[in-house]
Amino acid sequence: MCAGLIDGLIDGLHLVIAPVLIGRGERLLDNLGDGIDGYRVSELVGSPTVTHAVRVRR
């Protein structure tokens, strides 16, 4: 997925973020450099248990 973001091959991305108390999880958007700059947050909805973030290409 990260290579697709860097290369601009992904048009949209719906991230569902839920905090995890056990384990370390995986950091999906680290080491992207400027690759994430071509995207903007089009929708952000949060609740006490989960956050939905929709990113689309500019």
Protein backbone atom coordinates (compact mmCIF):
# COMPACT_ATOMS: atom_id res chain seq x y z
CA MET A 1 0.00 0.00 0.00
CA CYS A 2 2.75 2.48 0.88
CA ALA A 3 4.40 2.14 -2.52
CA GLY A 4 1.04 2.81 -4.17
CA LEU A 5 0.60 6.02 -2.16
CA ILE A 6 4.10 7.23 -2.98
CA ASP A 7 3.63 6.51 -6.70
CA GLY A 8 0.15 8.12 -6.77
CA LEU A 9 -1.55 4.87 -7.81
CA ILE A 10 -4.21 5.01 -5.08
CA ASP A 11 -7.14 7.40 -5.66
CA GLY A 12 -8.76 7.09 -2.24
CA LEU A 13 -8.11 5.53 1.13
CA HIS A 14 -10.58 4.90 3.98
CA LEU A 15 -8.69 4.42 7.25
CA VAL A 16 -10.46 3.03 10.29
CA ILE A 17 -8.40 3.86 13.37
CA ALA A 18 -9.14 2.07 16.63
CA PRO A 19 -6.83 2.28 19.63
CA VAL A 20 -5.34 -1.04 20.71
CA LEU A 21 -4.17 -1.52 24.27
CA ILE A 22 -2.38 -4.83 23.65
CA GLY A 23 0.49 -5.08 21.20
CA ARG A 24 2.22 -2.43 19.16
CA GLY A 25 0.13 -2.27 15.99
CA GLU A 26 1.53 -1.14 12.66
CA ARG A 27 2.33 2.43 11.64
CA LEU A 28 0.93 2.60 8.09
CA LEU A 29 1.87 6.16 7.14
CA ASP A 30 5.47 6.28 8.36
CA ASN A 31 8.33 6.62 5.86
CA LEU A 32 6.16 7.97 3.04
CA GLY A 33 8.21 11.10 2.58
CA ASP A 34 6.31 13.55 0.35
CA GLY A 35 4.07 10.75 -0.98
CA ILE A 36 1.20 11.66 1.36
CA ASP A 37 1.29 15.33 0.29
CA GLY A 38 -0.72 14.52 -2.85
CA TYR A 39 -3.72 13.54 -0.70
CA ARG A 40 -6.19 15.49 1.39
CA VAL A 41 -8.60 14.46 4.14
CA SER A 42 -12.08 14.58 2.62
CA GLU A 43 -13.94 13.21 5.63
CA LEU A 44 -13.09 12.71 9.29
CA VAL A 45 -15.62 11.16 11.66
CA GLY A 46 -14.76 10.19 15.21
CA SER A 47 -16.36 8.54 18.21
CA PRO A 48 -15.00 7.44 21.58
CA THR A 49 -14.05 4.04 20.12
CA VAL A 50 -13.06 4.61 16.49
CA THR A 51 -12.06 7.29 13.96
CA HIS A 52 -12.78 7.09 10.22
CA ALA A 53 -10.50 9.15 7.99
CA VAL A 54 -11.06 9.29 4.22
CA ARG A 55 -8.15 10.59 2.15
CA VAL A 56 -8.43 11.34 -1.56
CA ARG A 57 -5.97 12.51 -4.20
CA ARG A 58 -5.86 16.26 -4.79
